Amino acid sequence: MKLVDLPRYGPVHRFGNHHVYRTLMVLSDQKRKGRKQIADVVGIGEGSMRTIIEYLRELDMIDIRQTGVKITRHGMAFLSDLPIKMANIGHGSIAVGQECVAVQMSNNGDKIKLGVEQRDSAIMAGAEGATTLVVRDGRLIVPPDFDLDEADPEGAARIRAAFNLRDGDAIIIGTASSLAKAENGALAAAFDLL
């Protein structure tokens, strides 16, 4: 599932689906915000934010007034329907990096091959790397068959505490020197999987 259908011709967008998602998340507190304020939090330029806001307005996901931008009921419903949950899991042995952010994707584990594709997507989005896990027979597995529950019970427990896991779920852990880059990496890999 793609949020934005990026055109094949014309100017190259300097944002991805993870930026569109983060824009909606920033607005999910139901408070009006200015375009510059949103752009600063999401970590993109005002021109890109203008494009995202126009796109979301056309989809009736946001309301734009002179006092700022606010998410609509339709935008909130869209966010809640996405099979994505995100949590900061701190740093540790699960993934190497100063900041680690995990994204759970319900029922997407069957799309994971070896996790290399997710790592590459995360790096292209600015992260230093990514670790991909799938829930298989109640166990957290790094493909193809590394059992995280057995190798790192403490790390597995942190992931289990952050999410309500079920067989078939995928977890992508983005790692980076900053929280925003780790989030972007994990989300970019997640949206590429959808």
C-alpha atoms as a PDB file:
ATOM      1  CA  MET A   1       0.000   0.000   0.000  1.00  0.00           C
ATOM      2  CA  LYS A   2       1.498   3.281  -1.052  1.00  0.00           C
ATOM      3  CA  LEU A   3       0.367   6.601   0.368  1.00  0.00           C
ATOM      4  CA  VAL A   4       1.758   8.609  -2.510  1.00  0.00           C
ATOM      5  CA  ASP A   5       2.013   7.495  -6.112  1.00  0.00           C
ATOM      6  CA  LEU A   6       5.248   9.230  -7.074  1.00  0.00           C
ATOM      7  CA  PRO A   7       5.227  10.245 -10.753  1.00  0.00           C
ATOM      8  CA  ARG A   8       7.667   8.688 -13.197  1.00  0.00           C
ATOM      9  CA  TYR A   9       8.319  11.985 -14.961  1.00  0.00           C
ATOM     10  CA  GLY A  10       8.606  15.529 -13.719  1.00  0.00           C
ATOM     11  CA  PRO A  11      10.458  16.860 -10.688  1.00  0.00           C
ATOM     12  CA  VAL A  12      11.944  14.343  -8.303  1.00  0.00           C
ATOM     13  CA  HIS A  13      10.208  14.358  -4.926  1.00  0.00           C
ATOM     14  CA  ARG A  14      12.455  14.797  -1.923  1.00  0.00           C
ATOM     15  CA  PHE A  15      10.159  12.818   0.330  1.00  0.00           C
ATOM     16  CA  GLY A  16       8.742   9.330   0.618  1.00  0.00           C
ATOM     17  CA  ASN A  17       5.672   7.605   1.975  1.00  0.00           C
ATOM     18  CA  HIS A  18       7.199   7.590   5.448  1.00  0.00           C
ATOM     19  CA  HIS A  19       7.202  11.410   5.403  1.00  0.00           C
ATOM     20  CA  VAL A  20       3.509  11.456   4.458  1.00  0.00           C
ATOM     21  CA  TYR A  21       2.772   9.045   7.309  1.00  0.00           C
ATOM     22  CA  ARG A  22       4.819  11.109   9.763  1.00  0.00           C
ATOM     23  CA  THR A  23       2.912  14.225   8.651  1.00  0.00           C
ATOM     24  CA  LEU A  24      -0.366  12.558   9.572  1.00  0.00           C
ATOM     25  CA  MET A  25       1.133  11.346  12.859  1.00  0.00           C
ATOM     26  CA  VAL A  26       2.276  14.878  13.742  1.00  0.00           C
ATOM     27  CA  LEU A  27      -1.286  16.068  13.143  1.00  0.00           C
ATOM     28  CA  SER A  28      -2.914  13.155  14.990  1.00  0.00           C
ATOM     29  CA  ASP A  29      -3.083  15.189  18.216  1.00  0.00           C
ATOM     30  CA  GLN A  30      -5.984  17.079  16.531  1.00  0.00           C
ATOM     31  CA  LYS A  31      -4.305  20.493  16.982  1.00  0.00           C
ATOM     32  CA  ARG A  32      -3.802  22.949  14.132  1.00  0.00           C
ATOM     33  CA  LYS A  33      -0.207  23.455  13.109  1.00  0.00           C
ATOM     34  CA  GLY A  34       1.614  25.621  10.604  1.00  0.00           C
ATOM     35  CA  ARG A  35       3.303  24.153   7.537  1.00  0.00           C
ATOM     36  CA  LYS A  36       6.793  25.168   8.711  1.00  0.00           C
ATOM     37  CA  GLN A  37       6.205  23.632  12.139  1.00  0.00           C
ATOM     38  CA  ILE A  38       5.092  20.345  10.559  1.00  0.00           C
ATOM     39  CA  ALA A  39       8.011  20.367   8.101  1.00  0.00           C
ATOM     40  CA  ASP A  40      10.491  20.882  10.954  1.00  0.00           C
ATOM     41  CA  VAL A  41       9.103  17.952  12.956  1.00  0.00           C
ATOM     42  CA  VAL A  42       8.903  15.641   9.919  1.00  0.00           C
ATOM     43  CA  GLY A  43      12.400  16.704   8.837  1.00  0.00           C
ATOM     44  CA  ILE A  44      11.770  17.901   5.278  1.00  0.00           C
ATOM     45  CA  GLY A  45      11.772  21.232   3.486  1.00  0.00           C
ATOM     46  CA  GLU A  46       8.783  23.540   3.230  1.00  0.00           C
ATOM     47  CA  GLY A  47       8.421  22.920  -0.512  1.00  0.00           C
ATOM     48  CA  SER A  48       8.090  19.177   0.018  1.00  0.00           C
ATOM     49  CA  MET A  49       5.707  19.787   2.905  1.00  0.00           C
ATOM     50  CA  ARG A  50       3.594  22.012   0.661  1.00  0.00           C
ATOM     51  CA  THR A  51       3.312  19.105  -1.823  1.00  0.00           C
ATOM     52  CA  ILE A  52       2.415  16.622   0.930  1.00  0.00           C
ATOM     53  CA  ILE A  53      -0.203  18.976   2.396  1.00  0.00           C
ATOM     54  CA  GLU A  54      -1.797  19.539  -1.001  1.00  0.00           C
ATOM     55  CA  TYR A  55      -1.885  15.792  -1.634  1.00  0.00           C
ATOM     56  CA  LEU A  56      -3.462  15.068   1.769  1.00  0.00           C
ATOM     57  CA  ARG A  57      -5.978  17.890   1.273  1.00  0.00           C
ATOM     58  CA  GLU A  58      -7.063  16.356  -2.050  1.00  0.00           C
ATOM     59  CA  LEU A  59      -7.653  13.051  -0.212  1.00  0.00           C
ATOM     60  CA  ASP A  60      -9.711  14.865   2.474  1.00  0.00           C
ATOM     61  CA  MET A  61      -7.256  13.721   5.161  1.00  0.00           C
ATOM     62  CA  ILE A  62      -6.490  17.241   6.367  1.00  0.00           C
ATOM     63  CA  ASP A  63      -8.291  20.563   6.682  1.00  0.00           C
ATOM     64  CA  ILE A  64      -6.379  23.734   5.832  1.00  0.00           C
ATOM     65  CA  ARG A  65      -7.351  27.098   7.292  1.00  0.00           C
ATOM     66  CA  GLN A  66      -5.552  30.372   7.792  1.00  0.00           C
ATOM     67  CA  THR A  67      -4.908  29.241  11.388  1.00  0.00           C
ATOM     68  CA  GLY A  68      -3.106  26.084  10.264  1.00  0.00           C
ATOM     69  CA  VAL A  69      -3.491  22.472   9.201  1.00  0.00           C
ATOM     70  CA  LYS A  70      -5.557  19.893  11.099  1.00  0.00           C
ATOM     71  CA  ILE A  71      -6.197  16.215  10.450  1.00  0.00           C
ATOM     72  CA  THR A  72      -9.768  15.221   9.508  1.00  0.00           C
ATOM     73  CA  ARG A  73     -11.812  12.255  10.706  1.00  0.00           C
ATOM     74  CA  HIS A  74     -11.016  10.589   7.399  1.00  0.00           C
ATOM     75  CA  GLY A  75      -7.274  11.106   8.048  1.00  0.00           C
ATOM     76  CA  MET A  76      -7.578   9.676  11.567  1.00  0.00           C
ATOM     77  CA  ALA A  77      -9.503   6.659  10.248  1.00  0.00           C
ATOM     78  CA  PHE A  78      -6.822   6.094   7.609  1.00  0.00           C
ATOM     79  CA  LEU A  79      -4.081   6.157  10.261  1.00  0.00           C
ATOM     80  CA  SER A  80      -5.910   3.720  12.518  1.00  0.00           C
ATOM     81  CA  ASP A  81      -6.518   1.315   9.607  1.00  0.00           C
ATOM     82  CA  LEU A  82      -2.832   1.069   8.689  1.00  0.00           C
ATOM     83  CA  PRO A  83      -1.275  -2.207   9.901  1.00  0.00           C
ATOM     84  CA  ILE A  84       1.658  -0.275  11.403  1.00  0.00           C
ATOM     85  CA  LYS A  85       2.611   0.399  15.021  1.00  0.00           C
ATOM     86  CA  MET A  86       5.852   2.128  16.046  1.00  0.00           C
ATOM     87  CA  ALA A  87       7.868   2.107  19.296  1.00  0.00           C
ATOM     88  CA  ASN A  88      11.249   3.365  20.464  1.00  0.00           C
ATOM     89  CA  ILE A  89      12.974   0.288  21.897  1.00  0.00           C
ATOM     90  CA  GLY A  90      16.245   1.936  22.945  1.00  0.00           C
ATOM     91  CA  HIS A  91      19.619   0.559  21.972  1.00  0.00           C
ATOM     92  CA  GLY A  92      20.976  -2.871  22.651  1.00  0.00           C
ATOM     93  CA  SER A  93      22.199  -6.040  21.080  1.00  0.00           C
ATOM     94  CA  ILE A  94      19.153  -6.483  18.810  1.00  0.00           C
ATOM     95  CA  ALA A  95      20.384  -3.879  16.384  1.00  0.00           C
ATOM     96  CA  VAL A  96      23.586  -1.878  16.389  1.00  0.00           C
ATOM     97  CA  GLY A  97      22.940   1.844  16.668  1.00  0.00           C
ATOM     98  CA  GLN A  98      22.581   4.662  19.124  1.00  0.00           C
ATOM     99  CA  GLU A  99      18.795   4.840  18.568  1.00  0.00           C
ATOM    100  CA  CYS A 100      16.530   1.921  17.678  1.00  0.00           C
ATOM    101  CA  VAL A 101      12.936   2.307  16.557  1.00  0.00           C
ATOM    102  CA  ALA A 102      10.802  -0.740  15.825  1.00  0.00           C
ATOM    103  CA  VAL A 103       7.814  -0.858  13.495  1.00  0.00           C
ATOM    104  CA  GLN A 104       5.380  -3.742  13.771  1.00  0.00           C
ATOM    105  CA  MET A 105       3.537  -4.695  10.602  1.00  0.00           C
ATOM    106  CA  SER A 106       0.606  -6.985  11.237  1.00  0.00           C
ATOM    107  CA  ASN A 107       0.370 -10.015   8.944  1.00  0.00           C
ATOM    108  CA  ASN A 108       3.276  -9.026   6.700  1.00  0.00           C
ATOM    109  CA  GLY A 109       5.898 -11.558   7.817  1.00  0.00           C
ATOM    110  CA  ASP A 110       5.301 -13.722   4.747  1.00  0.00           C
ATOM    111  CA  LYS A 111       6.683 -10.896   2.572  1.00  0.00           C
ATOM    112  CA  ILE A 112      10.093 -10.998   4.288  1.00  0.00           C
ATOM    113  CA  LYS A 113      12.823 -12.895   2.490  1.00  0.00           C
ATOM    114  CA  LEU A 114      16.132 -12.277   4.266  1.00  0.00           C
ATOM    115  CA  GLY A 115      15.590  -8.717   5.503  1.00  0.00           C
ATOM    116  CA  VAL A 116      18.214  -7.290   3.156  1.00  0.00           C
ATOM    117  CA  GLU A 117      15.595  -5.336   1.197  1.00  0.00           C
ATOM    118  CA  GLN A 118      14.332  -3.697   4.391  1.00  0.00           C
ATOM    119  CA  ARG A 119      17.881  -2.812   5.454  1.00  0.00           C
ATOM    120  CA  ASP A 120      18.523  -1.193   2.065  1.00  0.00           C
ATOM    121  CA  SER A 121      15.273   0.819   2.242  1.00  0.00           C
ATOM    122  CA  ALA A 122      16.162   2.013   5.747  1.00  0.00           C
ATOM    123  CA  ILE A 123      19.636   3.120   4.666  1.00  0.00           C
ATOM    124  CA  MET A 124      18.227   4.986   1.656  1.00  0.00           C
ATOM    125  CA  ALA A 125      15.936   6.861   4.081  1.00  0.00           C
ATOM    126  CA  GLY A 126      18.888   7.989   6.212  1.00  0.00           C
ATOM    127  CA  ALA A 127      19.199   5.234   8.818  1.00  0.00           C
ATOM    128  CA  GLU A 128      22.462   3.412   9.454  1.00  0.00           C
ATOM    129  CA  GLY A 129      20.786   0.041   9.099  1.00  0.00           C
ATOM    130  CA  ALA A 130      17.822  -2.153   9.956  1.00  0.00           C
ATOM    131  CA  THR A 131      17.133  -5.548  11.474  1.00  0.00           C
ATOM    132  CA  THR A 132      14.061  -7.452  10.344  1.00  0.00           C
ATOM    133  CA  LEU A 133      12.225 -10.013  12.450  1.00  0.00           C
ATOM    134  CA  VAL A 134       9.212 -12.222  11.827  1.00  0.00           C
ATOM    135  CA  VAL A 135       6.987 -13.920  14.389  1.00  0.00           C
ATOM    136  CA  ARG A 136       6.980 -17.616  13.605  1.00  0.00           C
ATOM    137  CA  ASP A 137       5.415 -20.223  15.909  1.00  0.00           C
ATOM    138  CA  GLY A 138       5.370 -17.623  18.682  1.00  0.00           C
ATOM    139  CA  ARG A 139       9.125 -16.988  18.360  1.00  0.00           C
ATOM    140  CA  LEU A 140      10.960 -13.872  17.159  1.00  0.00           C
ATOM    141  CA  ILE A 141      13.044 -14.993  14.199  1.00  0.00           C
ATOM    142  CA  VAL A 142      15.654 -13.065  12.225  1.00  0.00           C
ATOM    143  CA  PRO A 143      15.351 -14.645   8.747  1.00  0.00           C
ATOM    144  CA  PRO A 144      16.107 -17.215   7.764  1.00  0.00           C
ATOM    145  CA  ASP A 145      16.259 -18.997  11.145  1.00  0.00           C
ATOM    146  CA  PHE A 146      18.072 -17.036  13.920  1.00  0.00           C
ATOM    147  CA  ASP A 147      15.942 -17.342  17.079  1.00  0.00           C
ATOM    148  CA  LEU A 148      16.112 -14.014  18.935  1.00  0.00           C
ATOM    149  CA  ASP A 149      14.181 -15.386  21.932  1.00  0.00           C
ATOM    150  CA  GLU A 150      16.950 -17.923  22.466  1.00  0.00           C
ATOM    151  CA  ALA A 151      19.953 -15.725  21.581  1.00  0.00           C
ATOM    152  CA  ASP A 152      18.857 -12.473  23.252  1.00  0.00           C
ATOM    153  CA  PRO A 153      15.961 -12.997  25.691  1.00  0.00           C
ATOM    154  CA  GLU A 154      16.276  -9.449  27.062  1.00  0.00           C
ATOM    155  CA  GLY A 155      16.039  -7.874  23.598  1.00  0.00           C
ATOM    156  CA  ALA A 156      13.157 -10.144  22.645  1.00  0.00           C
ATOM    157  CA  ALA A 157      11.368  -9.153  25.863  1.00  0.00           C
ATOM    158  CA  ARG A 158      11.709  -5.439  24.997  1.00  0.00           C
ATOM    159  CA  ILE A 159      10.085  -6.046  21.620  1.00  0.00           C
ATOM    160  CA  ARG A 160       7.318  -8.154  23.170  1.00  0.00           C
ATOM    161  CA  ALA A 161       6.676  -5.403  25.750  1.00  0.00           C
ATOM    162  CA  ALA A 162       6.326  -2.793  22.974  1.00  0.00           C
ATOM    163  CA  PHE A 163       3.884  -4.722  20.773  1.00  0.00           C
ATOM    164  CA  ASN A 164       1.062  -7.222  20.895  1.00  0.00           C
ATOM    165  CA  LEU A 165       2.685  -9.787  18.590  1.00  0.00           C
ATOM    166  CA  ARG A 166       0.993 -12.540  16.597  1.00  0.00           C
ATOM    167  CA  ASP A 167       2.302 -15.181  14.235  1.00  0.00           C
ATOM    168  CA  GLY A 168       2.881 -13.706  10.797  1.00  0.00           C
ATOM    169  CA  ASP A 169       3.822 -10.226  12.040  1.00  0.00           C
ATOM    170  CA  ALA A 170       6.963  -8.494  10.776  1.00  0.00           C
ATOM    171  CA  ILE A 171       9.073  -6.175  12.925  1.00  0.00           C
ATOM    172  CA  ILE A 172      11.575  -3.812  11.338  1.00  0.00           C
ATOM    173  CA  ILE A 173      14.064  -2.108  13.639  1.00  0.00           C
ATOM    174  CA  GLY A 174      15.643   1.014  12.173  1.00  0.00           C
ATOM    175  CA  THR A 175      18.923   2.140  13.737  1.00  0.00           C
ATOM    176  CA  ALA A 176      20.661   5.491  13.466  1.00  0.00           C
ATOM    177  CA  SER A 177      22.492   8.185  15.399  1.00  0.00           C
ATOM    178  CA  SER A 178      19.237  10.132  15.838  1.00  0.00           C
ATOM    179  CA  LEU A 179      15.712   9.092  16.720  1.00  0.00           C
ATOM    180  CA  ALA A 180      14.260  10.798  13.612  1.00  0.00           C
ATOM    181  CA  LYS A 181      16.612   8.936  11.260  1.00  0.00           C
ATOM    182  CA  ALA A 182      15.885   5.614  12.982  1.00  0.00           C
ATOM    183  CA  GLU A 183      12.133   6.288  12.645  1.00  0.00           C
ATOM    184  CA  ASN A 184      12.491   7.270   8.990  1.00  0.00           C
ATOM    185  CA  GLY A 185      14.490   4.132   8.247  1.00  0.00           C
ATOM    186  CA  ALA A 186      12.049   1.777   9.944  1.00  0.00           C
ATOM    187  CA  LEU A 187       9.026   3.468   8.368  1.00  0.00           C
ATOM    188  CA  ALA A 188      10.535   3.617   4.890  1.00  0.00           C
ATOM    189  CA  ALA A 189      11.288  -0.102   5.024  1.00  0.00           C
ATOM    190  CA  ALA A 190       7.784  -0.796   6.322  1.00  0.00           C
ATOM    191  CA  PHE A 191       6.082   1.171   3.539  1.00  0.00           C
ATOM    192  CA  ASP A 192       8.236  -0.518   0.915  1.00  0.00           C
ATOM    193  CA  LEU A 193       6.959  -3.829   2.276  1.00  0.00           C
ATOM    194  CA  LEU A 194       3.286  -2.851   2.023  1.00  0.00           C
END
